């Protein structure tokens, strides 16, 4: 997901450093989730809340999101969450919008944390991001 280059330097601290070589490389990073939204973010018990999230991963073979999942209140093991649906009907691109309609009837009144994470086609799960949901 991030292309960087390594520059090797030599010389004494008082000397001007000299560039010995520049070696381009790619550092692969896991998929990233961002732009999490809950609509509404404050809901009455029993009201349906739409969870939306954007996931992206531009390095891989293919560079595409394979899955997006959510957890309520406690982060679980990768692959064990509630699956989100792709907004365009297929997880097959490097940047994907995903959604889930959360039923709040079983949630207690108060604030709940909603975690979201994504997986790429190579099987790598990214770090979760989260948003807060208030149930009245």
N, C-alpha and C. Protein backbone atom coordinates (compact mmCIF):
# COMPACT_ATOMS: atom_id res chain seq x y z
N UNK A 1 0.81 -1.19 0.00
CA UNK A 1 0.00 0.00 0.00
C UNK A 1 0.85 1.25 0.00
N UNK A 2 2.12 1.15 0.37
CA UNK A 2 2.98 2.32 0.45
C UNK A 2 4.31 2.02 -0.21
N UNK A 3 4.68 2.81 -1.19
CA UNK A 3 5.97 2.62 -1.84
C UNK A 3 6.97 3.58 -1.20
N UNK A 4 8.12 3.06 -0.85
CA UNK A 4 9.16 3.87 -0.23
C UNK A 4 10.50 3.50 -0.83
N UNK A 5 11.51 4.27 -0.52
CA UNK A 5 12.85 3.95 -0.97
C UNK A 5 13.81 4.00 0.19
N UNK A 6 14.83 3.19 0.15
CA UNK A 6 15.84 3.17 1.19
C UNK A 6 17.08 3.88 0.68
N UNK A 7 17.61 4.81 1.45
CA UNK A 7 18.82 5.52 1.09
C UNK A 7 19.87 5.17 2.12
N UNK A 8 21.04 4.73 1.67
CA UNK A 8 22.13 4.36 2.56
C UNK A 8 23.15 5.49 2.58
N UNK A 9 23.53 5.92 3.78
CA UNK A 9 24.43 7.05 3.95
C UNK A 9 25.72 6.60 4.64
N UNK A 10 26.79 7.37 4.38
CA UNK A 10 28.04 7.12 5.11
C UNK A 10 28.72 8.45 5.36
N UNK A 11 29.67 8.45 6.26
CA UNK A 11 30.41 9.66 6.56
C UNK A 11 30.42 9.94 8.05
N UNK A 12 31.34 10.76 8.46
CA UNK A 12 31.43 11.14 9.86
C UNK A 12 30.37 12.21 10.13
N UNK A 13 29.99 12.39 11.39
CA UNK A 13 28.96 13.38 11.70
C UNK A 13 29.29 14.78 11.17
N UNK A 14 30.59 15.14 11.15
CA UNK A 14 30.93 16.48 10.68
C UNK A 14 31.00 16.55 9.15
N UNK A 15 31.01 15.38 8.50
CA UNK A 15 31.08 15.34 7.04
C UNK A 15 29.67 15.42 6.44
N UNK A 16 29.64 15.80 5.20
CA UNK A 16 28.41 15.76 4.42
C UNK A 16 28.09 14.29 4.12
N UNK A 17 26.91 13.79 4.47
CA UNK A 17 26.61 12.39 4.13
C UNK A 17 26.60 12.19 2.62
N UNK A 18 27.01 11.03 2.20
CA UNK A 18 27.03 10.68 0.79
C UNK A 18 26.01 9.59 0.52
N UNK A 19 25.30 9.75 -0.54
CA UNK A 19 24.33 8.73 -0.92
C UNK A 19 25.08 7.61 -1.63
N UNK A 20 25.02 6.44 -1.06
CA UNK A 20 25.68 5.28 -1.67
C UNK A 20 24.77 4.58 -2.67
N UNK A 21 23.52 4.41 -2.29
CA UNK A 21 22.61 3.77 -3.23
C UNK A 21 21.18 4.08 -2.84
N UNK A 22 20.35 4.03 -3.81
CA UNK A 22 18.92 4.22 -3.61
C UNK A 22 18.25 2.94 -4.09
N UNK A 23 17.52 2.30 -3.22
CA UNK A 23 16.91 1.02 -3.55
C UNK A 23 15.40 1.11 -3.36
N UNK A 24 14.65 1.22 -4.46
CA UNK A 24 13.20 1.27 -4.30
C UNK A 24 12.66 -0.05 -3.77
N UNK A 25 11.65 0.04 -2.94
CA UNK A 25 11.01 -1.16 -2.42
C UNK A 25 9.56 -0.85 -2.11
N UNK A 26 8.79 -1.86 -1.97
CA UNK A 26 7.39 -1.70 -1.60
C UNK A 26 7.19 -2.35 -0.25
N UNK A 27 6.57 -1.61 0.64
CA UNK A 27 6.24 -2.14 1.94
C UNK A 27 4.75 -2.45 1.93
N UNK A 28 4.43 -3.71 2.10
CA UNK A 28 3.02 -4.09 2.08
C UNK A 28 2.40 -3.81 3.44
N UNK A 29 1.22 -3.25 3.40
CA UNK A 29 0.49 -2.97 4.61
C UNK A 29 -0.88 -3.64 4.53
N UNK A 30 -1.47 -3.94 5.66
CA UNK A 30 -2.80 -4.57 5.66
C UNK A 30 -3.87 -3.57 5.22
N UNK A 31 -5.06 -4.07 4.92
CA UNK A 31 -6.14 -3.17 4.54
C UNK A 31 -6.50 -2.23 5.69
N UNK A 32 -7.03 -1.09 5.33
CA UNK A 32 -7.37 -0.05 6.30
C UNK A 32 -8.86 0.25 6.21
N UNK A 33 -9.49 0.44 7.36
CA UNK A 33 -10.89 0.86 7.42
C UNK A 33 -10.93 2.31 7.88
N UNK A 34 -11.75 3.10 7.23
CA UNK A 34 -11.92 4.49 7.62
C UNK A 34 -13.33 4.92 7.24
N UNK A 35 -13.68 6.13 7.61
CA UNK A 35 -15.01 6.69 7.33
C UNK A 35 -16.12 5.79 7.86
N UNK A 36 -16.02 5.38 9.10
CA UNK A 36 -17.11 4.62 9.71
C UNK A 36 -18.21 5.60 10.10
N UNK A 37 -19.44 5.26 9.75
CA UNK A 37 -20.57 6.09 10.17
C UNK A 37 -21.71 5.20 10.64
N UNK A 38 -22.45 5.71 11.59
CA UNK A 38 -23.65 5.04 12.11
C UNK A 38 -24.81 6.00 11.92
N UNK A 39 -25.85 5.53 11.27
CA UNK A 39 -27.00 6.40 10.97
C UNK A 39 -28.28 5.76 11.49
N UNK A 40 -28.84 6.29 12.57
CA UNK A 40 -28.35 7.39 13.39
C UNK A 40 -27.30 6.90 14.39
N UNK A 41 -26.49 7.82 14.88
CA UNK A 41 -25.46 7.49 15.87
C UNK A 41 -26.06 7.37 17.27
N UNK A 42 -27.25 7.90 17.44
CA UNK A 42 -27.99 7.79 18.69
C UNK A 42 -29.38 7.29 18.33
N UNK A 43 -29.72 6.08 18.80
CA UNK A 43 -30.97 5.45 18.38
C UNK A 43 -31.76 4.95 19.58
N UNK A 44 -33.06 4.80 19.36
CA UNK A 44 -33.91 4.18 20.37
C UNK A 44 -33.75 2.67 20.27
N UNK A 45 -33.86 2.01 21.41
CA UNK A 45 -33.78 0.54 21.43
C UNK A 45 -34.82 -0.03 20.47
N UNK A 46 -34.38 -0.95 19.62
CA UNK A 46 -35.27 -1.55 18.63
C UNK A 46 -35.20 -0.90 17.27
N UNK A 47 -34.59 0.28 17.19
CA UNK A 47 -34.45 0.99 15.92
C UNK A 47 -33.29 0.37 15.13
N UNK A 48 -33.43 0.29 13.81
CA UNK A 48 -32.36 -0.21 12.95
C UNK A 48 -31.36 0.90 12.68
N UNK A 49 -30.08 0.59 12.81
CA UNK A 49 -29.01 1.55 12.57
C UNK A 49 -28.18 1.07 11.38
N UNK A 50 -27.95 1.95 10.43
CA UNK A 50 -27.13 1.61 9.26
C UNK A 50 -25.67 1.93 9.56
N UNK A 51 -24.83 0.89 9.54
CA UNK A 51 -23.39 1.02 9.69
C UNK A 51 -22.78 1.09 8.29
N UNK A 52 -21.98 2.11 8.05
CA UNK A 52 -21.27 2.24 6.77
C UNK A 52 -19.78 2.38 7.06
N UNK A 53 -18.97 1.79 6.20
CA UNK A 53 -17.52 1.89 6.35
C UNK A 53 -16.87 1.82 4.98
N UNK A 54 -15.72 2.46 4.86
CA UNK A 54 -14.91 2.38 3.65
C UNK A 54 -13.64 1.62 4.01
N UNK A 55 -13.30 0.64 3.18
CA UNK A 55 -12.07 -0.13 3.37
C UNK A 55 -11.23 -0.02 2.11
N UNK A 56 -9.91 0.07 2.28
CA UNK A 56 -9.06 0.12 1.09
C UNK A 56 -7.78 -0.68 1.28
N UNK A 57 -7.31 -1.20 0.15
CA UNK A 57 -6.08 -1.98 0.09
C UNK A 57 -5.62 -1.96 -1.35
N UNK A 58 -4.52 -1.27 -1.64
CA UNK A 58 -4.08 -1.13 -3.02
C UNK A 58 -2.86 -1.96 -3.37
N UNK A 59 -2.37 -2.77 -2.44
CA UNK A 59 -1.25 -3.64 -2.75
C UNK A 59 -1.71 -5.07 -2.50
N UNK A 60 -1.40 -5.93 -3.37
CA UNK A 60 -1.79 -7.32 -3.25
C UNK A 60 -1.96 -7.90 -4.63
N UNK A 61 -2.35 -9.12 -4.67
CA UNK A 61 -2.55 -9.77 -5.96
C UNK A 61 -3.82 -10.61 -5.90
N UNK A 62 -4.96 -10.08 -6.29
CA UNK A 62 -5.20 -8.72 -6.77
C UNK A 62 -5.27 -7.74 -5.60
N UNK A 63 -5.11 -6.45 -5.89
CA UNK A 63 -5.23 -5.46 -4.82
C UNK A 63 -6.70 -5.18 -4.54
N UNK A 64 -7.29 -5.98 -3.69
CA UNK A 64 -8.72 -5.82 -3.46
C UNK A 64 -9.12 -6.25 -2.06
N UNK A 65 -10.20 -5.66 -1.60
CA UNK A 65 -10.81 -6.04 -0.33
C UNK A 65 -11.58 -7.34 -0.55
N UNK A 66 -11.45 -8.26 0.39
CA UNK A 66 -12.14 -9.55 0.30
C UNK A 66 -13.33 -9.61 1.26
N UNK A 67 -13.21 -8.96 2.43
CA UNK A 67 -14.27 -9.01 3.44
C UNK A 67 -14.15 -7.83 4.38
N UNK A 68 -15.28 -7.46 4.97
CA UNK A 68 -15.34 -6.43 6.00
C UNK A 68 -16.26 -6.98 7.09
N UNK A 69 -15.86 -6.83 8.35
CA UNK A 69 -16.65 -7.37 9.45
C UNK A 69 -16.77 -6.37 10.58
N UNK A 70 -17.80 -6.58 11.42
CA UNK A 70 -18.05 -5.70 12.57
C UNK A 70 -18.21 -6.53 13.84
N UNK A 71 -17.91 -5.89 14.96
CA UNK A 71 -18.11 -6.46 16.28
C UNK A 71 -18.76 -5.39 17.15
N UNK A 72 -19.61 -5.80 18.06
CA UNK A 72 -20.25 -4.87 18.99
C UNK A 72 -19.63 -5.03 20.37
N UNK A 73 -19.16 -3.94 20.92
CA UNK A 73 -18.64 -3.82 22.28
C UNK A 73 -17.31 -4.52 22.55
N UNK A 74 -17.03 -5.62 21.90
CA UNK A 74 -15.78 -6.34 22.16
C UNK A 74 -15.24 -6.88 20.84
N UNK A 75 -13.98 -6.64 20.60
CA UNK A 75 -13.35 -7.11 19.37
C UNK A 75 -13.07 -8.60 19.48
N UNK A 76 -13.51 -9.35 18.50
CA UNK A 76 -13.30 -10.79 18.49
C UNK A 76 -12.18 -11.18 17.53
N UNK A 77 -12.03 -12.47 17.34
CA UNK A 77 -11.01 -13.00 16.44
C UNK A 77 -11.32 -12.64 15.00
N UNK A 78 -10.28 -12.43 14.18
CA UNK A 78 -10.50 -12.14 12.76
C UNK A 78 -11.33 -13.23 12.09
N UNK A 79 -12.30 -12.79 11.31
CA UNK A 79 -13.17 -13.70 10.58
C UNK A 79 -14.37 -14.17 11.36
N UNK A 80 -14.51 -13.73 12.61
CA UNK A 80 -15.60 -14.19 13.47
C UNK A 80 -16.66 -13.11 13.70
N UNK A 81 -16.54 -11.99 12.99
CA UNK A 81 -17.47 -10.89 13.20
C UNK A 81 -18.72 -10.99 12.36
N UNK A 82 -19.53 -9.95 12.42
CA UNK A 82 -20.75 -9.84 11.61
C UNK A 82 -20.32 -9.30 10.25
N UNK A 83 -20.57 -10.05 9.18
CA UNK A 83 -20.11 -9.58 7.86
C UNK A 83 -20.89 -8.36 7.37
N UNK A 84 -20.17 -7.40 6.83
CA UNK A 84 -20.79 -6.28 6.15
C UNK A 84 -20.97 -6.65 4.69
N UNK A 85 -21.91 -6.00 4.03
CA UNK A 85 -22.19 -6.24 2.63
C UNK A 85 -21.51 -5.19 1.76
N UNK A 86 -21.03 -5.58 0.58
CA UNK A 86 -20.44 -4.58 -0.32
C UNK A 86 -21.54 -3.70 -0.92
N UNK A 87 -21.32 -2.39 -0.92
CA UNK A 87 -22.32 -1.46 -1.44
C UNK A 87 -22.56 -1.66 -2.94
N UNK A 88 -21.53 -2.12 -3.67
CA UNK A 88 -21.68 -2.32 -5.11
C UNK A 88 -21.92 -3.79 -5.47
N UNK A 89 -22.30 -4.60 -4.50
CA UNK A 89 -22.66 -6.02 -4.62
C UNK A 89 -21.49 -6.99 -4.74
N UNK A 90 -20.23 -6.52 -4.74
CA UNK A 90 -19.09 -7.44 -4.79
C UNK A 90 -17.85 -6.79 -4.17
N UNK A 91 -17.14 -7.55 -3.33
CA UNK A 91 -15.84 -7.10 -2.84
C UNK A 91 -14.81 -7.52 -3.88
N UNK A 92 -14.40 -6.58 -4.72
CA UNK A 92 -13.48 -6.92 -5.81
C UNK A 92 -12.60 -5.76 -6.25
N UNK A 93 -12.52 -4.72 -5.43
CA UNK A 93 -11.72 -3.54 -5.77
C UNK A 93 -10.84 -3.15 -4.60
N UNK A 94 -9.87 -2.27 -4.87
CA UNK A 94 -8.97 -1.80 -3.84
C UNK A 94 -9.61 -0.89 -2.82
N UNK A 95 -10.70 -0.25 -3.18
CA UNK A 95 -11.44 0.61 -2.26
C UNK A 95 -12.91 0.21 -2.32
N UNK A 96 -13.47 -0.15 -1.18
CA UNK A 96 -14.84 -0.65 -1.13
C UNK A 96 -15.65 0.05 -0.05
N UNK A 97 -16.87 0.38 -0.40
CA UNK A 97 -17.86 0.84 0.56
C UNK A 97 -18.63 -0.39 1.02
N UNK A 98 -18.88 -0.49 2.33
CA UNK A 98 -19.61 -1.63 2.88
C UNK A 98 -20.64 -1.13 3.88
N UNK A 99 -21.66 -1.95 4.10
CA UNK A 99 -22.72 -1.53 5.03
C UNK A 99 -23.31 -2.74 5.75
N UNK A 100 -24.02 -2.44 6.82
CA UNK A 100 -24.72 -3.44 7.61
C UNK A 100 -25.85 -2.74 8.35
N UNK A 101 -27.03 -3.34 8.34
CA UNK A 101 -28.14 -2.82 9.13
C UNK A 101 -28.13 -3.53 10.48
N UNK A 102 -27.82 -2.78 11.53
CA UNK A 102 -27.74 -3.32 12.89
C UNK A 102 -29.10 -3.25 13.56
N UNK A 103 -29.55 -4.38 14.07
CA UNK A 103 -30.77 -4.41 14.84
C UNK A 103 -30.40 -4.13 16.29
N UNK A 104 -31.05 -3.18 16.92
CA UNK A 104 -30.65 -2.77 18.27
C UNK A 104 -31.55 -3.30 19.38
N UNK A 105 -32.50 -4.16 19.04
CA UNK A 105 -33.45 -4.66 20.03
C UNK A 105 -32.81 -5.39 21.21
N UNK A 106 -31.68 -6.04 20.99
CA UNK A 106 -31.01 -6.80 22.04
C UNK A 106 -29.95 -5.99 22.79
N UNK A 107 -29.70 -4.75 22.36
CA UNK A 107 -28.67 -3.93 23.01
C UNK A 107 -29.25 -3.20 24.21
N UNK A 108 -28.47 -3.10 25.26
CA UNK A 108 -28.89 -2.36 26.45
C UNK A 108 -28.75 -0.86 26.20
N UNK A 109 -29.47 -0.08 26.98
CA UNK A 109 -29.35 1.37 26.89
C UNK A 109 -27.94 1.77 27.29
N UNK A 110 -27.40 2.76 26.62
CA UNK A 110 -26.05 3.23 26.92
C UNK A 110 -25.22 3.33 25.66
N UNK A 111 -23.92 3.49 25.85
CA UNK A 111 -22.99 3.66 24.73
C UNK A 111 -22.33 2.33 24.40
N UNK A 112 -22.28 2.02 23.11
CA UNK A 112 -21.67 0.79 22.61
C UNK A 112 -20.62 1.14 21.56
N UNK A 113 -19.51 0.42 21.59
CA UNK A 113 -18.46 0.61 20.58
C UNK A 113 -18.68 -0.41 19.47
N UNK A 114 -18.64 0.08 18.22
CA UNK A 114 -18.77 -0.77 17.04
C UNK A 114 -17.41 -0.80 16.36
N UNK A 115 -16.80 -1.98 16.30
CA UNK A 115 -15.49 -2.17 15.65
C UNK A 115 -15.70 -2.67 14.23
N UNK A 116 -14.85 -2.21 13.33
CA UNK A 116 -14.90 -2.66 11.93
C UNK A 116 -13.47 -2.92 11.47
N UNK A 117 -13.27 -4.04 10.77
CA UNK A 117 -11.97 -4.33 10.16
C UNK A 117 -12.19 -5.02 8.81
N UNK A 118 -11.14 -5.00 7.98
CA UNK A 118 -11.23 -5.54 6.63
C UNK A 118 -10.15 -6.57 6.38
N UNK A 119 -10.39 -7.43 5.40
CA UNK A 119 -9.44 -8.47 4.98
C UNK A 119 -9.19 -8.32 3.49
N UNK A 120 -7.93 -8.52 3.09
CA UNK A 120 -7.62 -8.47 1.66
C UNK A 120 -7.64 -9.87 1.07
N UNK A 121 -7.44 -9.97 -0.24
CA UNK A 121 -7.49 -11.25 -0.94
C UNK A 121 -6.36 -12.19 -0.54
N UNK A 122 -5.30 -11.64 0.05
CA UNK A 122 -4.19 -12.48 0.50
C UNK A 122 -4.43 -13.06 1.89
N UNK A 123 -5.56 -12.72 2.49
CA UNK A 123 -5.93 -13.25 3.80
C UNK A 123 -5.47 -12.41 4.97
N UNK A 124 -4.94 -11.22 4.72
CA UNK A 124 -4.45 -10.36 5.79
C UNK A 124 -5.58 -9.48 6.32
N UNK A 125 -5.77 -9.55 7.64
CA UNK A 125 -6.75 -8.68 8.30
C UNK A 125 -6.06 -7.41 8.76
N UNK A 126 -6.71 -6.27 8.57
CA UNK A 126 -6.17 -5.00 9.03
C UNK A 126 -6.55 -4.74 10.48
N UNK A 127 -6.02 -3.64 10.99
CA UNK A 127 -6.36 -3.21 12.34
C UNK A 127 -7.79 -2.66 12.34
N UNK A 128 -8.52 -2.85 13.42
CA UNK A 128 -9.88 -2.33 13.47
C UNK A 128 -9.92 -0.83 13.70
N UNK A 129 -10.99 -0.24 13.24
CA UNK A 129 -11.33 1.13 13.59
C UNK A 129 -12.68 1.02 14.31
N UNK A 130 -13.13 2.08 14.94
CA UNK A 130 -14.39 1.97 15.66
C UNK A 130 -15.15 3.29 15.68
N UNK A 131 -16.42 3.16 16.03
CA UNK A 131 -17.30 4.31 16.20
C UNK A 131 -18.21 4.01 17.38
N UNK A 132 -18.78 5.04 17.95
CA UNK A 132 -19.64 4.88 19.12
C UNK A 132 -21.11 4.97 18.73
N UNK A 133 -21.91 4.09 19.32
CA UNK A 133 -23.35 4.05 19.10
C UNK A 133 -24.04 4.22 20.45
N UNK A 134 -24.96 5.14 20.53
CA UNK A 134 -25.72 5.35 21.75
C UNK A 134 -27.12 4.78 21.58
N UNK A 135 -27.53 3.97 22.55
CA UNK A 135 -28.88 3.42 22.57
C UNK A 135 -29.63 4.07 23.73
N UNK A 136 -30.78 4.64 23.41
CA UNK A 136 -31.58 5.35 24.42
C UNK A 136 -32.61 4.40 25.03
